[in-house]
Amino acid sequence: MKIYHSPASPFVRKVMIVAREVGLADRIELLPAKAGPVDRDATIRAENPLGQVPTFATDDGAVLYDSRVIAEYLDDLGRGGLFGTGAERWRNLTDAALADGLMGAALLARYETFLRPAEFRWPAWTDGQMGKVADALGRLEGEVAGYGARFDIGTIGFVCGLGYLDFRFPDLGWRDAHPKAAAWFAAMGERPSVKATIPV
């Protein structure tokens, strides 16, 4: 198996945490990638028209994208149970969607403030994206006390989202207003799959 990989991507990190949790990480070859919103990697585009990471090739030659699909494929292959069944599955998928939204908004804010030329930047756009981040953090803070020992596709997404905020927005100070989420994130940070995938 192969994955077009960027160590800074929270969506790639989500896939790699799942791979480690289900015991398949050592079977996946990491392919370097330079995916970006403007200069899209032609090598990735040959496999995935969107030119995005993660893009994943199975052992039988199928190409999978995006992170939600790849994570579920790996979970199924490794019989990990990270998606759950019945009502638990819908809860996990809903949490995963919120975490993906947090990561997506943070990525768009990063692109606006780092990649876009200064004269074309739109502060209201950045504020709107960071507002999504703030609302997602608020929901997490209100619910995280009930997570217990959960480690599933939803909570993995939140780990990756919070890790991305630390990596790309170190001055955000999200912990100040979200102490429960901060404590939970610190505890999750002790998990080997989380430690091994910290963005660089």
C-alpha atoms as a PDB file:
ATOM      1  CA  MET A   1       0.000   0.000   0.000  1.00  0.00           C
ATOM      2  CA  LYS A   2       1.119   3.555  -0.674  1.00  0.00           C
ATOM      3  CA  ILE A   3       0.073   7.015   0.429  1.00  0.00           C
ATOM      4  CA  TYR A   4       0.947  10.436  -0.925  1.00  0.00           C
ATOM      5  CA  HIS A   5       2.084  11.966   2.301  1.00  0.00           C
ATOM      6  CA  SER A   6       2.652  15.396   3.779  1.00  0.00           C
ATOM      7  CA  PRO A   7       3.682  15.318   7.450  1.00  0.00           C
ATOM      8  CA  ALA A   8       2.056  18.718   8.085  1.00  0.00           C
ATOM      9  CA  SER A   9      -1.398  17.696   6.832  1.00  0.00           C
ATOM     10  CA  PRO A  10      -3.916  16.964   9.610  1.00  0.00           C
ATOM     11  CA  PHE A  11      -5.869  14.797   7.177  1.00  0.00           C
ATOM     12  CA  VAL A  12      -2.810  12.659   6.419  1.00  0.00           C
ATOM     13  CA  ARG A  13      -2.163  12.458  10.153  1.00  0.00           C
ATOM     14  CA  LYS A  14      -5.673  11.115  10.709  1.00  0.00           C
ATOM     15  CA  VAL A  15      -5.046   8.318   8.225  1.00  0.00           C
ATOM     16  CA  MET A  16      -1.665   7.478   9.748  1.00  0.00           C
ATOM     17  CA  ILE A  17      -3.097   7.341  13.275  1.00  0.00           C
ATOM     18  CA  VAL A  18      -5.752   4.919  12.048  1.00  0.00           C
ATOM     19  CA  ALA A  19      -3.083   2.863  10.266  1.00  0.00           C
ATOM     20  CA  ARG A  20      -1.075   2.617  13.480  1.00  0.00           C
ATOM     21  CA  GLU A  21      -4.114   1.796  15.587  1.00  0.00           C
ATOM     22  CA  VAL A  22      -5.134  -1.102  13.343  1.00  0.00           C
ATOM     23  CA  GLY A  23      -1.596  -2.437  12.897  1.00  0.00           C
ATOM     24  CA  LEU A  24      -1.087  -1.589   9.234  1.00  0.00           C
ATOM     25  CA  ALA A  25       1.326   1.359   9.314  1.00  0.00           C
ATOM     26  CA  ASP A  26       4.364  -0.778   8.516  1.00  0.00           C
ATOM     27  CA  ARG A  27       2.671  -1.963   5.309  1.00  0.00           C
ATOM     28  CA  ILE A  28       2.231   1.559   3.915  1.00  0.00           C
ATOM     29  CA  GLU A  29       4.912   3.223   1.803  1.00  0.00           C
ATOM     30  CA  LEU A  30       5.050   6.994   2.301  1.00  0.00           C
ATOM     31  CA  LEU A  31       5.335   8.836  -1.008  1.00  0.00           C
ATOM     32  CA  PRO A  32       6.535  12.441  -0.814  1.00  0.00           C
ATOM     33  CA  ALA A  33       4.048  14.994  -2.067  1.00  0.00           C
ATOM     34  CA  LYS A  34       3.887  18.725  -2.692  1.00  0.00           C
ATOM     35  CA  ALA A  35       0.144  19.182  -2.802  1.00  0.00           C
ATOM     36  CA  GLY A  36      -1.034  22.761  -2.617  1.00  0.00           C
ATOM     37  CA  PRO A  37      -4.147  24.762  -3.433  1.00  0.00           C
ATOM     38  CA  VAL A  38      -2.465  26.572  -6.350  1.00  0.00           C
ATOM     39  CA  ASP A  39       0.540  24.544  -7.522  1.00  0.00           C
ATOM     40  CA  ARG A  40      -1.011  21.091  -7.528  1.00  0.00           C
ATOM     41  CA  ASP A  41       1.318  18.092  -7.640  1.00  0.00           C
ATOM     42  CA  ALA A  42       1.083  16.558 -11.129  1.00  0.00           C
ATOM     43  CA  THR A  43       2.089  13.153  -9.776  1.00  0.00           C
ATOM     44  CA  ILE A  44      -0.862  13.104  -7.384  1.00  0.00           C
ATOM     45  CA  ARG A  45      -3.227  14.484 -10.048  1.00  0.00           C
ATOM     46  CA  ALA A  46      -2.467  11.460 -12.210  1.00  0.00           C
ATOM     47  CA  GLU A  47      -4.089   9.342  -9.477  1.00  0.00           C
ATOM     48  CA  ASN A  48      -6.519  11.846  -7.908  1.00  0.00           C
ATOM     49  CA  PRO A  49      -7.885  14.644 -10.114  1.00  0.00           C
ATOM     50  CA  LEU A  50      -8.100  16.922  -7.067  1.00  0.00           C
ATOM     51  CA  GLY A  51      -4.344  16.656  -6.541  1.00  0.00           C
ATOM     52  CA  GLN A  52      -4.751  16.470  -2.780  1.00  0.00           C
ATOM     53  CA  VAL A  53      -3.266  14.522   0.083  1.00  0.00           C
ATOM     54  CA  PRO A  54      -3.958  11.993   1.319  1.00  0.00           C
ATOM     55  CA  THR A  55      -4.279   9.925  -1.839  1.00  0.00           C
ATOM     56  CA  PHE A  56      -3.899   6.201  -1.208  1.00  0.00           C
ATOM     57  CA  ALA A  57      -3.164   3.137  -3.367  1.00  0.00           C
ATOM     58  CA  THR A  58      -4.271  -0.278  -2.146  1.00  0.00           C
ATOM     59  CA  ASP A  59      -2.293  -3.472  -2.736  1.00  0.00           C
ATOM     60  CA  ASP A  60      -4.658  -4.406  -5.555  1.00  0.00           C
ATOM     61  CA  GLY A  61      -4.157  -1.093  -7.332  1.00  0.00           C
ATOM     62  CA  ALA A  62      -7.293   0.790  -6.332  1.00  0.00           C
ATOM     63  CA  VAL A  63      -6.819   4.485  -5.574  1.00  0.00           C
ATOM     64  CA  LEU A  64      -8.739   5.931  -2.623  1.00  0.00           C
ATOM     65  CA  TYR A  65      -9.371   9.483  -1.438  1.00  0.00           C
ATOM     66  CA  ASP A  66     -10.121  11.451   0.751  1.00  0.00           C
ATOM     67  CA  SER A  67      -9.077  10.836   4.376  1.00  0.00           C
ATOM     68  CA  ARG A  68     -12.547   9.620   5.432  1.00  0.00           C
ATOM     69  CA  VAL A  69     -12.567   6.929   2.775  1.00  0.00           C
ATOM     70  CA  ILE A  70      -8.963   5.869   3.370  1.00  0.00           C
ATOM     71  CA  ALA A  71      -9.448   5.709   7.142  1.00  0.00           C
ATOM     72  CA  GLU A  72     -12.511   3.522   6.791  1.00  0.00           C
ATOM     73  CA  TYR A  73     -10.725   1.247   4.314  1.00  0.00           C
ATOM     74  CA  LEU A  74      -7.827   0.751   6.728  1.00  0.00           C
ATOM     75  CA  ASP A  75     -10.157   0.234   9.674  1.00  0.00           C
ATOM     76  CA  ASP A  76     -12.072  -2.406   7.726  1.00  0.00           C
ATOM     77  CA  LEU A  77      -8.882  -4.099   6.508  1.00  0.00           C
ATOM     78  CA  GLY A  78      -7.404  -4.158   9.993  1.00  0.00           C
ATOM     79  CA  ARG A  79     -10.732  -4.929  11.709  1.00  0.00           C
ATOM     80  CA  GLY A  80     -10.137  -2.016  14.038  1.00  0.00           C
ATOM     81  CA  GLY A  81     -13.704  -1.032  14.935  1.00  0.00           C
ATOM     82  CA  LEU A  82     -12.836   2.683  14.968  1.00  0.00           C
ATOM     83  CA  PHE A  83     -16.078   3.596  13.181  1.00  0.00           C
ATOM     84  CA  GLY A  84     -18.439   1.601  15.384  1.00  0.00           C
ATOM     85  CA  THR A  85     -21.840   0.187  14.524  1.00  0.00           C
ATOM     86  CA  GLY A  86     -25.427   1.340  14.949  1.00  0.00           C
ATOM     87  CA  ALA A  87     -25.972   4.539  16.913  1.00  0.00           C
ATOM     88  CA  GLU A  88     -22.301   4.610  17.934  1.00  0.00           C
ATOM     89  CA  ARG A  89     -21.275   4.735  14.274  1.00  0.00           C
ATOM     90  CA  TRP A  90     -23.479   7.765  13.559  1.00  0.00           C
ATOM     91  CA  ARG A  91     -22.135   9.526  16.655  1.00  0.00           C
ATOM     92  CA  ASN A  92     -18.553   8.808  15.600  1.00  0.00           C
ATOM     93  CA  LEU A  93     -19.156   9.942  12.018  1.00  0.00           C
ATOM     94  CA  THR A  94     -20.852  13.153  13.168  1.00  0.00           C
ATOM     95  CA  ASP A  95     -17.919  13.943  15.454  1.00  0.00           C
ATOM     96  CA  ALA A  96     -15.557  13.127  12.577  1.00  0.00           C
ATOM     97  CA  ALA A  97     -17.441  15.554  10.315  1.00  0.00           C
ATOM     98  CA  LEU A  98     -17.126  18.335  12.902  1.00  0.00           C
ATOM     99  CA  ALA A  99     -13.412  17.604  13.347  1.00  0.00           C
ATOM    100  CA  ASP A 100     -12.927  17.610   9.561  1.00  0.00           C
ATOM    101  CA  GLY A 101     -14.720  20.947   9.411  1.00  0.00           C
ATOM    102  CA  LEU A 102     -12.422  22.380  12.071  1.00  0.00           C
ATOM    103  CA  MET A 103      -9.363  21.171  10.148  1.00  0.00           C
ATOM    104  CA  GLY A 104     -10.705  22.402   6.825  1.00  0.00           C
ATOM    105  CA  ALA A 105     -11.470  25.864   8.183  1.00  0.00           C
ATOM    106  CA  ALA A 106      -8.049  26.110   9.810  1.00  0.00           C
ATOM    107  CA  LEU A 107      -6.396  25.100   6.516  1.00  0.00           C
ATOM    108  CA  LEU A 108      -8.333  27.766   4.610  1.00  0.00           C
ATOM    109  CA  ALA A 109      -7.342  30.396   7.175  1.00  0.00           C
ATOM    110  CA  ARG A 110      -3.730  29.288   6.865  1.00  0.00           C
ATOM    111  CA  TYR A 111      -3.849  29.557   3.080  1.00  0.00           C
ATOM    112  CA  GLU A 112      -5.371  33.030   3.290  1.00  0.00           C
ATOM    113  CA  THR A 113      -2.808  34.394   5.731  1.00  0.00           C
ATOM    114  CA  PHE A 114       0.291  32.558   4.499  1.00  0.00           C
ATOM    115  CA  LEU A 115      -0.068  31.759   0.806  1.00  0.00           C
ATOM    116  CA  ARG A 116      -2.237  34.528  -0.574  1.00  0.00           C
ATOM    117  CA  PRO A 117      -0.338  37.715  -1.476  1.00  0.00           C
ATOM    118  CA  ALA A 118      -0.907  40.390   1.156  1.00  0.00           C
ATOM    119  CA  GLU A 119      -2.686  42.770  -1.199  1.00  0.00           C
ATOM    120  CA  PHE A 120      -5.345  40.144  -1.975  1.00  0.00           C
ATOM    121  CA  ARG A 121      -6.054  38.966   1.558  1.00  0.00           C
ATOM    122  CA  TRP A 122      -9.605  39.271   2.886  1.00  0.00           C
ATOM    123  CA  PRO A 123      -9.683  39.596   6.706  1.00  0.00           C
ATOM    124  CA  ALA A 124     -13.416  38.848   6.867  1.00  0.00           C
ATOM    125  CA  TRP A 125     -12.758  35.505   5.154  1.00  0.00           C
ATOM    126  CA  THR A 126     -10.122  34.597   7.722  1.00  0.00           C
ATOM    127  CA  ASP A 127     -12.424  35.703  10.539  1.00  0.00           C
ATOM    128  CA  GLY A 128     -15.204  33.537   9.139  1.00  0.00           C
ATOM    129  CA  GLN A 129     -12.986  30.454   8.985  1.00  0.00           C
ATOM    130  CA  MET A 130     -11.584  31.019  12.463  1.00  0.00           C
ATOM    131  CA  GLY A 131     -15.153  31.515  13.675  1.00  0.00           C
ATOM    132  CA  LYS A 132     -15.878  27.965  12.522  1.00  0.00           C
ATOM    133  CA  VAL A 133     -12.831  26.809  14.449  1.00  0.00           C
ATOM    134  CA  ALA A 134     -14.022  28.646  17.568  1.00  0.00           C
ATOM    135  CA  ASP A 135     -17.521  27.163  17.327  1.00  0.00           C
ATOM    136  CA  ALA A 136     -16.141  23.652  16.848  1.00  0.00           C
ATOM    137  CA  LEU A 137     -13.890  24.144  19.879  1.00  0.00           C
ATOM    138  CA  GLY A 138     -16.894  25.306  21.880  1.00  0.00           C
ATOM    139  CA  ARG A 139     -18.838  22.174  20.988  1.00  0.00           C
ATOM    140  CA  LEU A 140     -15.845  19.987  21.848  1.00  0.00           C
ATOM    141  CA  GLU A 141     -15.438  21.730  25.209  1.00  0.00           C
ATOM    142  CA  GLY A 142     -19.090  21.102  26.033  1.00  0.00           C
ATOM    143  CA  GLU A 143     -18.993  17.411  25.168  1.00  0.00           C
ATOM    144  CA  VAL A 144     -15.460  16.182  25.867  1.00  0.00           C
ATOM    145  CA  ALA A 145     -16.160  15.343  29.520  1.00  0.00           C
ATOM    146  CA  GLY A 146     -18.419  12.545  28.283  1.00  0.00           C
ATOM    147  CA  TYR A 147     -15.838  10.993  25.975  1.00  0.00           C
ATOM    148  CA  GLY A 148     -14.315   8.746  28.617  1.00  0.00           C
ATOM    149  CA  ALA A 149     -11.840   6.355  27.011  1.00  0.00           C
ATOM    150  CA  ARG A 150     -13.218   6.805  23.497  1.00  0.00           C
ATOM    151  CA  PHE A 151     -10.654   6.561  20.716  1.00  0.00           C
ATOM    152  CA  ASP A 152     -12.484   6.344  17.417  1.00  0.00           C
ATOM    153  CA  ILE A 153     -12.668   8.118  14.079  1.00  0.00           C
ATOM    154  CA  GLY A 154     -14.359  11.121  15.703  1.00  0.00           C
ATOM    155  CA  THR A 155     -11.925  11.617  18.549  1.00  0.00           C
ATOM    156  CA  ILE A 156      -8.974  10.913  16.245  1.00  0.00           C
ATOM    157  CA  GLY A 157     -10.192  13.801  14.107  1.00  0.00           C
ATOM    158  CA  PHE A 158     -10.261  16.139  17.082  1.00  0.00           C
ATOM    159  CA  VAL A 159      -6.742  15.092  18.087  1.00  0.00           C
ATOM    160  CA  CYS A 160      -5.557  15.955  14.574  1.00  0.00           C
ATOM    161  CA  GLY A 161      -7.449  19.239  14.529  1.00  0.00           C
ATOM    162  CA  LEU A 162      -6.081  20.415  17.859  1.00  0.00           C
ATOM    163  CA  GLY A 163      -2.611  19.301  16.853  1.00  0.00           C
ATOM    164  CA  TYR A 164      -2.892  21.327  13.657  1.00  0.00           C
ATOM    165  CA  LEU A 165      -3.941  24.416  15.616  1.00  0.00           C
ATOM    166  CA  ASP A 166      -0.851  24.012  17.809  1.00  0.00           C
ATOM    167  CA  PHE A 167       1.335  23.560  14.746  1.00  0.00           C
ATOM    168  CA  ARG A 168       0.050  26.350  12.507  1.00  0.00           C
ATOM    169  CA  PHE A 169      -1.594  28.748  14.984  1.00  0.00           C
ATOM    170  CA  PRO A 170       0.656  28.591  18.063  1.00  0.00           C
ATOM    171  CA  ASP A 171      -0.515  32.029  19.251  1.00  0.00           C
ATOM    172  CA  LEU A 172      -4.219  31.147  19.127  1.00  0.00           C
ATOM    173  CA  GLY A 173      -4.264  30.178  22.808  1.00  0.00           C
ATOM    174  CA  TRP A 174      -7.238  27.845  22.367  1.00  0.00           C
ATOM    175  CA  ARG A 175      -6.523  26.108  25.678  1.00  0.00           C
ATOM    176  CA  ASP A 176      -7.342  29.236  27.722  1.00  0.00           C
ATOM    177  CA  ALA A 177     -11.057  29.090  26.970  1.00  0.00           C
ATOM    178  CA  HIS A 178     -11.245  25.299  26.623  1.00  0.00           C
ATOM    179  CA  PRO A 179      -9.601  23.705  29.675  1.00  0.00           C
ATOM    180  CA  LYS A 180     -11.560  20.437  29.429  1.00  0.00           C
ATOM    181  CA  ALA A 181     -10.571  19.967  25.805  1.00  0.00           C
ATOM    182  CA  ALA A 182      -6.979  20.883  26.691  1.00  0.00           C
ATOM    183  CA  ALA A 183      -6.823  18.255  29.439  1.00  0.00           C
ATOM    184  CA  TRP A 184      -8.349  15.624  27.167  1.00  0.00           C
ATOM    185  CA  PHE A 185      -5.924  16.498  24.359  1.00  0.00           C
ATOM    186  CA  ALA A 186      -2.971  16.202  26.726  1.00  0.00           C
ATOM    187  CA  ALA A 187      -4.131  12.739  27.795  1.00  0.00           C
ATOM    188  CA  MET A 188      -4.634  11.642  24.186  1.00  0.00           C
ATOM    189  CA  GLY A 189      -1.142  12.899  23.404  1.00  0.00           C
ATOM    190  CA  GLU A 190       0.301  10.026  25.419  1.00  0.00           C
ATOM    191  CA  ARG A 191      -1.062   7.467  22.994  1.00  0.00           C
ATOM    192  CA  PRO A 192       1.745   5.965  20.847  1.00  0.00           C
ATOM    193  CA  SER A 193      -0.077   6.530  17.547  1.00  0.00           C
ATOM    194  CA  VAL A 194      -0.556  10.189  18.428  1.00  0.00           C
ATOM    195  CA  LYS A 195       3.034  10.702  19.566  1.00  0.00           C
ATOM    196  CA  ALA A 196       4.381   9.079  16.402  1.00  0.00           C
ATOM    197  CA  THR A 197       2.435  11.371  14.066  1.00  0.00           C
ATOM    198  CA  ILE A 198       3.041  14.853  15.520  1.00  0.00           C
ATOM    199  CA  PRO A 199       3.275  17.278  12.568  1.00  0.00           C
ATOM    200  CA  VAL A 200       6.657  18.629  11.553  1.00  0.00           C
END
